[in-house]
PDB file of N, CA and C in Angstrom:
ATOM      1  N   UNK A   1       0.839  -1.169   0.000  1.00  0.00           N
ATOM      2  CA  UNK A   1       0.000   0.000   0.000  1.00  0.00           C
ATOM      3  C   UNK A   1       0.886   1.234   0.000  1.00  0.00           C
ATOM      4  N   UNK A   2       0.515   2.225  -0.763  1.00  0.00           N
ATOM      5  CA  UNK A   2       1.246   3.481  -0.841  1.00  0.00           C
ATOM      6  C   UNK A   2       0.601   4.504   0.076  1.00  0.00           C
ATOM      7  N   UNK A   3       1.420   5.228   0.764  1.00  0.00           N
ATOM      8  CA  UNK A   3       0.930   6.267   1.662  1.00  0.00           C
ATOM      9  C   UNK A   3       1.429   7.615   1.180  1.00  0.00           C
ATOM     10  N   UNK A   4       0.561   8.597   1.157  1.00  0.00           N
ATOM     11  CA  UNK A   4       0.944   9.964   0.812  1.00  0.00           C
ATOM     12  C   UNK A   4       0.734  10.841   2.032  1.00  0.00           C
ATOM     13  N   UNK A   5       1.715  11.643   2.321  1.00  0.00           N
ATOM     14  CA  UNK A   5       1.631  12.573   3.442  1.00  0.00           C
ATOM     15  C   UNK A   5       2.135  13.919   2.966  1.00  0.00           C
ATOM     16  N   UNK A   6       1.344  14.933   3.150  1.00  0.00           N
ATOM     17  CA  UNK A   6       1.716  16.283   2.762  1.00  0.00           C
ATOM     18  C   UNK A   6       2.163  17.026   4.015  1.00  0.00           C
ATOM     19  N   UNK A   7       3.323  17.642   3.937  1.00  0.00           N
ATOM     20  CA  UNK A   7       3.847  18.388   5.075  1.00  0.00           C
ATOM     21  C   UNK A   7       4.003  19.839   4.632  1.00  0.00           C
ATOM     22  N   UNK A   8       3.396  20.725   5.371  1.00  0.00           N
ATOM     23  CA  UNK A   8       3.455  22.144   5.048  1.00  0.00           C
ATOM     24  C   UNK A   8       4.179  22.859   6.181  1.00  0.00           C
ATOM     25  N   UNK A   9       5.143  23.705   5.819  1.00  0.00           N
ATOM     26  CA  UNK A   9       5.867  24.465   6.835  1.00  0.00           C
ATOM     27  C   UNK A   9       7.141  25.013   6.246  1.00  0.00           C
ATOM     28  N   UNK A  10       7.924  25.678   7.069  1.00  0.00           N
ATOM     29  CA  UNK A  10       9.222  26.174   6.623  1.00  0.00           C
ATOM     30  C   UNK A  10      10.099  24.967   6.317  1.00  0.00           C
ATOM     31  N   UNK A  11      10.578  24.899   5.100  1.00  0.00           N
ATOM     32  CA  UNK A  11      11.319  23.710   4.662  1.00  0.00           C
ATOM     33  C   UNK A  11      12.531  23.419   5.531  1.00  0.00           C
ATOM     34  N   UNK A  12      13.174  24.449   6.055  1.00  0.00           N
ATOM     35  CA  UNK A  12      14.350  24.206   6.913  1.00  0.00           C
ATOM     36  C   UNK A  12      13.948  23.476   8.186  1.00  0.00           C
ATOM     37  N   UNK A  13      12.843  23.870   8.793  1.00  0.00           N
ATOM     38  CA  UNK A  13      12.383  23.225  10.024  1.00  0.00           C
ATOM     39  C   UNK A  13      11.838  21.829   9.748  1.00  0.00           C
ATOM     40  N   UNK A  14      11.018  21.726   8.717  1.00  0.00           N
ATOM     41  CA  UNK A  14      10.403  20.439   8.390  1.00  0.00           C
ATOM     42  C   UNK A  14      11.466  19.424   8.001  1.00  0.00           C
ATOM     43  N   UNK A  15      12.368  19.799   7.108  1.00  0.00           N
ATOM     44  CA  UNK A  15      13.385  18.862   6.639  1.00  0.00           C
ATOM     45  C   UNK A  15      14.295  18.419   7.777  1.00  0.00           C
ATOM     46  N   UNK A  16      14.648  19.328   8.659  1.00  0.00           N
ATOM     47  CA  UNK A  16      15.515  18.976   9.788  1.00  0.00           C
ATOM     48  C   UNK A  16      14.882  17.919  10.690  1.00  0.00           C
ATOM     49  N   UNK A  17      13.558  17.852  10.697  1.00  0.00           N
ATOM     50  CA  UNK A  17      12.866  16.897  11.564  1.00  0.00           C
ATOM     51  C   UNK A  17      12.709  15.516  10.932  1.00  0.00           C
ATOM     52  N   UNK A  18      13.088  15.368   9.668  1.00  0.00           N
ATOM     53  CA  UNK A  18      12.887  14.105   8.961  1.00  0.00           C
ATOM     54  C   UNK A  18      14.130  13.229   9.017  1.00  0.00           C
ATOM     55  N   UNK A  19      13.937  11.919   9.125  1.00  0.00           N
ATOM     56  CA  UNK A  19      15.094  11.015   9.114  1.00  0.00           C
ATOM     57  C   UNK A  19      15.701  10.887   7.716  1.00  0.00           C
ATOM     58  N   UNK A  20      16.943  10.462   7.667  1.00  0.00           N
ATOM     59  CA  UNK A  20      17.631  10.221   6.397  1.00  0.00           C
ATOM     60  C   UNK A  20      16.842   9.227   5.549  1.00  0.00           C
ATOM     61  N   UNK A  21      16.888   9.424   4.240  1.00  0.00           N
ATOM     62  CA  UNK A  21      16.309   8.488   3.258  1.00  0.00           C
ATOM     63  C   UNK A  21      14.856   8.121   3.572  1.00  0.00           C
ATOM     64  N   UNK A  22      14.052   9.116   3.936  1.00  0.00           N
ATOM     65  CA  UNK A  22      12.677   8.819   4.336  1.00  0.00           C
ATOM     66  C   UNK A  22      11.615   9.437   3.427  1.00  0.00           C
ATOM     67  N   UNK A  23      12.046  10.136   2.375  1.00  0.00           N
ATOM     68  CA  UNK A  23      11.100  10.862   1.533  1.00  0.00           C
ATOM     69  C   UNK A  23      11.274  10.432   0.076  1.00  0.00           C
ATOM     70  N   UNK A  24      10.158  10.138  -0.597  1.00  0.00           N
ATOM     71  CA  UNK A  24      10.212   9.742  -1.999  1.00  0.00           C
ATOM     72  C   UNK A  24      10.088  10.916  -2.959  1.00  0.00           C
ATOM     73  N   UNK A  25       9.412  11.982  -2.538  1.00  0.00           N
ATOM     74  CA  UNK A  25       9.203  13.122  -3.424  1.00  0.00           C
ATOM     75  C   UNK A  25       9.187  14.416  -2.630  1.00  0.00           C
ATOM     76  N   UNK A  26       9.970  15.369  -3.083  1.00  0.00           N
ATOM     77  CA  UNK A  26       9.907  16.733  -2.560  1.00  0.00           C
ATOM     78  C   UNK A  26       9.483  17.606  -3.730  1.00  0.00           C
ATOM     79  N   UNK A  27       8.395  18.333  -3.539  1.00  0.00           N
ATOM     80  CA  UNK A  27       7.883  19.262  -4.548  1.00  0.00           C
ATOM     81  C   UNK A  27       7.799  20.617  -3.879  1.00  0.00           C
ATOM     82  N   UNK A  28       8.527  21.586  -4.412  1.00  0.00           N
ATOM     83  CA  UNK A  28       8.556  22.895  -3.779  1.00  0.00           C
ATOM     84  C   UNK A  28       8.497  23.996  -4.816  1.00  0.00           C
ATOM     85  N   UNK A  29       7.985  25.132  -4.406  1.00  0.00           N
ATOM     86  CA  UNK A  29       7.899  26.307  -5.254  1.00  0.00           C
ATOM     87  C   UNK A  29       8.315  27.518  -4.434  1.00  0.00           C
ATOM     88  N   UNK A  30       9.639  27.720  -4.294  1.00  0.00           N
ATOM     89  CA  UNK A  30      10.088  28.834  -3.460  1.00  0.00           C
ATOM     90  C   UNK A  30       9.768  30.179  -4.100  1.00  0.00           C
ATOM     91  N   UNK A  31       9.598  31.202  -3.273  1.00  0.00           N
ATOM     92  CA  UNK A  31       9.348  32.543  -3.816  1.00  0.00           C
ATOM     93  C   UNK A  31      10.532  33.022  -4.660  1.00  0.00           C
ATOM     94  N   UNK A  32      10.265  33.839  -5.636  1.00  0.00           N
ATOM     95  CA  UNK A  32      11.324  34.460  -6.422  1.00  0.00           C
ATOM     96  C   UNK A  32      12.062  35.489  -5.577  1.00  0.00           C
ATOM     97  N   UNK A  33      13.272  35.777  -5.943  1.00  0.00           N
ATOM     98  CA  UNK A  33      14.072  36.781  -5.254  1.00  0.00           C
ATOM     99  C   UNK A  33      13.428  38.158  -5.383  1.00  0.00           C
ATOM    100  N   UNK A  34      13.139  38.772  -4.261  1.00  0.00           N
ATOM    101  CA  UNK A  34      12.648  40.161  -4.178  1.00  0.00           C
ATOM    102  C   UNK A  34      11.365  40.420  -4.965  1.00  0.00           C
ATOM    103  N   UNK A  35      10.600  39.390  -5.246  1.00  0.00           N
ATOM    104  CA  UNK A  35       9.382  39.584  -6.025  1.00  0.00           C
ATOM    105  C   UNK A  35       8.135  39.601  -5.149  1.00  0.00           C
ATOM    106  N   UNK A  36       8.097  38.709  -4.181  1.00  0.00           N
ATOM    107  CA  UNK A  36       6.885  38.568  -3.374  1.00  0.00           C
ATOM    108  C   UNK A  36       7.289  38.230  -1.942  1.00  0.00           C
ATOM    109  N   UNK A  37       6.565  38.782  -1.007  1.00  0.00           N
ATOM    110  CA  UNK A  37       6.794  38.480   0.391  1.00  0.00           C
ATOM    111  C   UNK A  37       5.503  37.912   0.963  1.00  0.00           C
ATOM    112  N   UNK A  38       5.627  36.828   1.688  1.00  0.00           N
ATOM    113  CA  UNK A  38       4.458  36.188   2.273  1.00  0.00           C
ATOM    114  C   UNK A  38       4.274  36.536   3.743  1.00  0.00           C
ATOM    115  N   UNK A  39       5.294  37.131   4.333  1.00  0.00           N
ATOM    116  CA  UNK A  39       5.233  37.451   5.760  1.00  0.00           C
ATOM    117  C   UNK A  39       5.190  38.959   5.958  1.00  0.00           C
ATOM    118  N   UNK A  40       4.433  39.435   6.946  1.00  0.00           N
ATOM    119  CA  UNK A  40       4.436  40.867   7.232  1.00  0.00           C
ATOM    120  C   UNK A  40       5.812  41.302   7.763  1.00  0.00           C
ATOM    121  N   UNK A  41       6.109  42.568   7.610  1.00  0.00           N
ATOM    122  CA  UNK A  41       7.427  43.103   7.980  1.00  0.00           C
ATOM    123  C   UNK A  41       7.796  42.826   9.435  1.00  0.00           C
ATOM    124  N   UNK A  42       6.819  42.756  10.333  1.00  0.00           N
ATOM    125  CA  UNK A  42       7.109  42.553  11.754  1.00  0.00           C
ATOM    126  C   UNK A  42       7.045  41.084  12.187  1.00  0.00           C
ATOM    127  N   UNK A  43       6.924  40.173  11.231  1.00  0.00           N
ATOM    128  CA  UNK A  43       6.850  38.744  11.570  1.00  0.00           C
ATOM    129  C   UNK A  43       8.195  38.278  12.120  1.00  0.00           C
ATOM    130  N   UNK A  44       8.203  37.456  13.176  1.00  0.00           N
ATOM    131  CA  UNK A  44       9.476  37.021  13.775  1.00  0.00           C
ATOM    132  C   UNK A  44      10.367  36.208  12.833  1.00  0.00           C
ATOM    133  N   UNK A  45       9.794  35.561  11.840  1.00  0.00           N
ATOM    134  CA  UNK A  45      10.589  34.753  10.912  1.00  0.00           C
ATOM    135  C   UNK A  45      10.911  35.496   9.613  1.00  0.00           C
ATOM    136  N   UNK A  46      10.650  36.782   9.565  1.00  0.00           N
ATOM    137  CA  UNK A  46      10.843  37.558   8.334  1.00  0.00           C
ATOM    138  C   UNK A  46      12.267  37.417   7.783  1.00  0.00           C
ATOM    139  N   UNK A  47      13.270  37.442   8.631  1.00  0.00           N
ATOM    140  CA  UNK A  47      14.665  37.357   8.183  1.00  0.00           C
ATOM    141  C   UNK A  47      14.990  36.007   7.543  1.00  0.00           C
ATOM    142  N   UNK A  48      14.198  34.991   7.822  1.00  0.00           N
ATOM    143  CA  UNK A  48      14.432  33.655   7.256  1.00  0.00           C
ATOM    144  C   UNK A  48      13.685  33.428   5.945  1.00  0.00           C
ATOM    145  N   UNK A  49      12.876  34.380   5.543  1.00  0.00           N
ATOM    146  CA  UNK A  49      12.016  34.192   4.375  1.00  0.00           C
ATOM    147  C   UNK A  49      12.833  34.025   3.098  1.00  0.00           C
ATOM    148  N   UNK A  50      12.606  32.917   2.403  1.00  0.00           N
ATOM    149  CA  UNK A  50      13.270  32.680   1.127  1.00  0.00           C
ATOM    150  C   UNK A  50      12.790  33.738   0.145  1.00  0.00           C
ATOM    151  N   UNK A  51      13.744  34.332  -0.570  1.00  0.00           N
ATOM    152  CA  UNK A  51      13.416  35.381  -1.519  1.00  0.00           C
ATOM    153  C   UNK A  51      13.709  36.765  -0.976  1.00  0.00           C
ATOM    154  N   UNK A  52      14.017  36.866   0.315  1.00  0.00           N
ATOM    155  CA  UNK A  52      14.329  38.167   0.906  1.00  0.00           C
ATOM    156  C   UNK A  52      15.832  38.439   0.950  1.00  0.00           C
ATOM    157  N   UNK A  53      16.618  37.564   0.357  1.00  0.00           N
ATOM    158  CA  UNK A  53      18.064  37.758   0.324  1.00  0.00           C
ATOM    159  C   UNK A  53      18.394  39.038  -0.445  1.00  0.00           C
ATOM    160  N   UNK A  54      19.536  39.610  -0.145  1.00  0.00           N
ATOM    161  CA  UNK A  54      19.875  40.901  -0.749  1.00  0.00           C
ATOM    162  C   UNK A  54      20.528  40.797  -2.125  1.00  0.00           C
ATOM    163  N   UNK A  55      21.005  39.612  -2.504  1.00  0.00           N
ATOM    164  CA  UNK A  55      21.638  39.458  -3.820  1.00  0.00           C
ATOM    165  C   UNK A  55      21.206  38.140  -4.458  1.00  0.00           C
ATOM    166  N   UNK A  56      21.290  38.052  -5.785  1.00  0.00           N
ATOM    167  CA  UNK A  56      20.999  36.771  -6.436  1.00  0.00           C
ATOM    168  C   UNK A  56      21.918  35.650  -5.947  1.00  0.00           C
ATOM    169  N   UNK A  57      23.185  35.965  -5.678  1.00  0.00           N
ATOM    170  CA  UNK A  57      24.121  34.940  -5.203  1.00  0.00           C
ATOM    171  C   UNK A  57      23.677  34.376  -3.849  1.00  0.00           C
ATOM    172  N   UNK A  58      23.209  35.246  -2.946  1.00  0.00           N
ATOM    173  CA  UNK A  58      22.719  34.771  -1.649  1.00  0.00           C
ATOM    174  C   UNK A  58      21.466  33.918  -1.815  1.00  0.00           C
ATOM    175  N   UNK A  59      20.584  34.321  -2.707  1.00  0.00           N
ATOM    176  CA  UNK A  59      19.362  33.565  -2.987  1.00  0.00           C
ATOM    177  C   UNK A  59      19.707  32.164  -3.489  1.00  0.00           C
ATOM    178  N   UNK A  60      20.583  32.087  -4.495  1.00  0.00           N
ATOM    179  CA  UNK A  60      20.974  30.774  -5.034  1.00  0.00           C
ATOM    180  C   UNK A  60      21.746  29.957  -4.007  1.00  0.00           C
ATOM    181  N   UNK A  61      22.589  30.614  -3.233  1.00  0.00           N
ATOM    182  CA  UNK A  61      23.326  29.903  -2.188  1.00  0.00           C
ATOM    183  C   UNK A  61      22.383  29.276  -1.168  1.00  0.00           C
ATOM    184  N   UNK A  62      21.351  30.013  -0.801  1.00  0.00           N
ATOM    185  CA  UNK A  62      20.362  29.472   0.130  1.00  0.00           C
ATOM    186  C   UNK A  62      19.622  28.287  -0.451  1.00  0.00           C
ATOM    187  N   UNK A  63      19.255  28.381  -1.735  1.00  0.00           N
ATOM    188  CA  UNK A  63      18.574  27.250  -2.382  1.00  0.00           C
ATOM    189  C   UNK A  63      19.490  26.032  -2.457  1.00  0.00           C
ATOM    190  N   UNK A  64      20.771  26.251  -2.734  1.00  0.00           N
ATOM    191  CA  UNK A  64      21.707  25.124  -2.794  1.00  0.00           C
ATOM    192  C   UNK A  64      21.896  24.469  -1.428  1.00  0.00           C
ATOM    193  N   UNK A  65      21.879  25.258  -0.365  1.00  0.00           N
ATOM    194  CA  UNK A  65      21.932  24.669   0.979  1.00  0.00           C
ATOM    195  C   UNK A  65      20.717  23.781   1.222  1.00  0.00           C
ATOM    196  N   UNK A  66      19.557  24.239   0.776  1.00  0.00           N
ATOM    197  CA  UNK A  66      18.340  23.442   0.924  1.00  0.00           C
ATOM    198  C   UNK A  66      18.436  22.147   0.127  1.00  0.00           C
ATOM    199  N   UNK A  67      18.963  22.219  -1.082  1.00  0.00           N
ATOM    200  CA  UNK A  67      19.095  21.019  -1.921  1.00  0.00           C
ATOM    201  C   UNK A  67      19.976  19.986  -1.228  1.00  0.00           C
ATOM    202  N   UNK A  68      21.047  20.430  -0.592  1.00  0.00           N
ATOM    203  CA  UNK A  68      21.916  19.477   0.123  1.00  0.00           C
ATOM    204  C   UNK A  68      21.155  18.776   1.247  1.00  0.00           C
ATOM    205  N   UNK A  69      20.301  19.502   1.950  1.00  0.00           N
ATOM    206  CA  UNK A  69      19.521  18.899   3.035  1.00  0.00           C
ATOM    207  C   UNK A  69      18.429  17.994   2.465  1.00  0.00           C
ATOM    208  N   UNK A  70      17.805  18.401   1.372  1.00  0.00           N
ATOM    209  CA  UNK A  70      16.792  17.549   0.742  1.00  0.00           C
ATOM    210  C   UNK A  70      17.428  16.248   0.259  1.00  0.00           C
ATOM    211  N   UNK A  71      18.654  16.333  -0.229  1.00  0.00           N
ATOM    212  CA  UNK A  71      19.348  15.120  -0.674  1.00  0.00           C
ATOM    213  C   UNK A  71      19.481  14.120   0.478  1.00  0.00           C
ATOM    214  N   UNK A  72      19.691  14.619   1.666  1.00  0.00           N
ATOM    215  CA  UNK A  72      19.824  13.754   2.849  1.00  0.00           C
ATOM    216  C   UNK A  72      18.553  12.973   3.121  1.00  0.00           C
ATOM    217  N   UNK A  73      17.396  13.606   2.960  1.00  0.00           N
ATOM    218  CA  UNK A  73      16.146  12.943   3.327  1.00  0.00           C
ATOM    219  C   UNK A  73      15.531  12.137   2.184  1.00  0.00           C
ATOM    220  N   UNK A  74      15.979  12.382   0.952  1.00  0.00           N
ATOM    221  CA  UNK A  74      15.414  11.621  -0.171  1.00  0.00           C
ATOM    222  C   UNK A  74      15.905  10.176  -0.160  1.00  0.00           C
ATOM    223  N   UNK A  75      15.002   9.270  -0.532  1.00  0.00           N
ATOM    224  CA  UNK A  75      15.403   7.878  -0.714  1.00  0.00           C
ATOM    225  C   UNK A  75      16.306   7.796  -1.943  1.00  0.00           C
ATOM    226  N   UNK A  76      17.029   6.697  -2.115  1.00  0.00           N
ATOM    227  CA  UNK A  76      17.901   6.581  -3.294  1.00  0.00           C
ATOM    228  C   UNK A  76      17.160   6.737  -4.631  1.00  0.00           C
ATOM    229  N   UNK A  77      15.893   6.403  -4.653  1.00  0.00           N
ATOM    230  CA  UNK A  77      15.108   6.556  -5.898  1.00  0.00           C
ATOM    231  C   UNK A  77      14.174   7.759  -5.827  1.00  0.00           C
ATOM    232  N   UNK A  78      14.362   8.618  -4.828  1.00  0.00           N
ATOM    233  CA  UNK A  78      13.503   9.772  -4.644  1.00  0.00           C
ATOM    234  C   UNK A  78      13.700  10.846  -5.702  1.00  0.00           C
ATOM    235  N   UNK A  79      12.747  11.752  -5.776  1.00  0.00           N
ATOM    236  CA  UNK A  79      12.795  12.837  -6.759  1.00  0.00           C
ATOM    237  C   UNK A  79      12.617  14.190  -6.077  1.00  0.00           C
ATOM    238  N   UNK A  80      13.259  15.191  -6.666  1.00  0.00           N
ATOM    239  CA  UNK A  80      13.127  16.570  -6.210  1.00  0.00           C
ATOM    240  C   UNK A  80      12.592  17.385  -7.373  1.00  0.00           C
ATOM    241  N   UNK A  81      11.493  18.100  -7.120  1.00  0.00           N
ATOM    242  CA  UNK A  81      10.892  18.982  -8.131  1.00  0.00           C
ATOM    243  C   UNK A  81      10.897  20.389  -7.556  1.00  0.00           C
ATOM    244  N   UNK A  82      11.580  21.309  -8.241  1.00  0.00           N
ATOM    245  CA  UNK A  82      11.612  22.698  -7.812  1.00  0.00           C
ATOM    246  C   UNK A  82      10.994  23.518  -8.936  1.00  0.00           C
ATOM    247  N   UNK A  83       9.876  24.163  -8.640  1.00  0.00           N
ATOM    248  CA  UNK A  83       9.181  24.984  -9.621  1.00  0.00           C
ATOM    249  C   UNK A  83       9.522  26.438  -9.341  1.00  0.00           C
ATOM    250  N   UNK A  84      10.213  27.055 -10.286  1.00  0.00           N
ATOM    251  CA  UNK A  84      10.549  28.484 -10.146  1.00  0.00           C
ATOM    252  C   UNK A  84       9.830  29.272 -11.217  1.00  0.00           C
TER     253      UNK A  84
END
């Protein structure tokens, strides 16, 4: 039997809570750099918001850090889908 579980939350927090090789599919659509903000200016997690980086290099660097962590939790046959 196949089980599907959808997890919604900050990917850094959610991924950190998952064991190695435990996920078959990661599908994500991170915000574009400096295009849209989902959190109000006074939100406590505002500084962590993906897309609020000050340069394209910082934005891509942050995404690459996430990819390394996603690689840890993906099964050997798992897939990563990033929609930009």
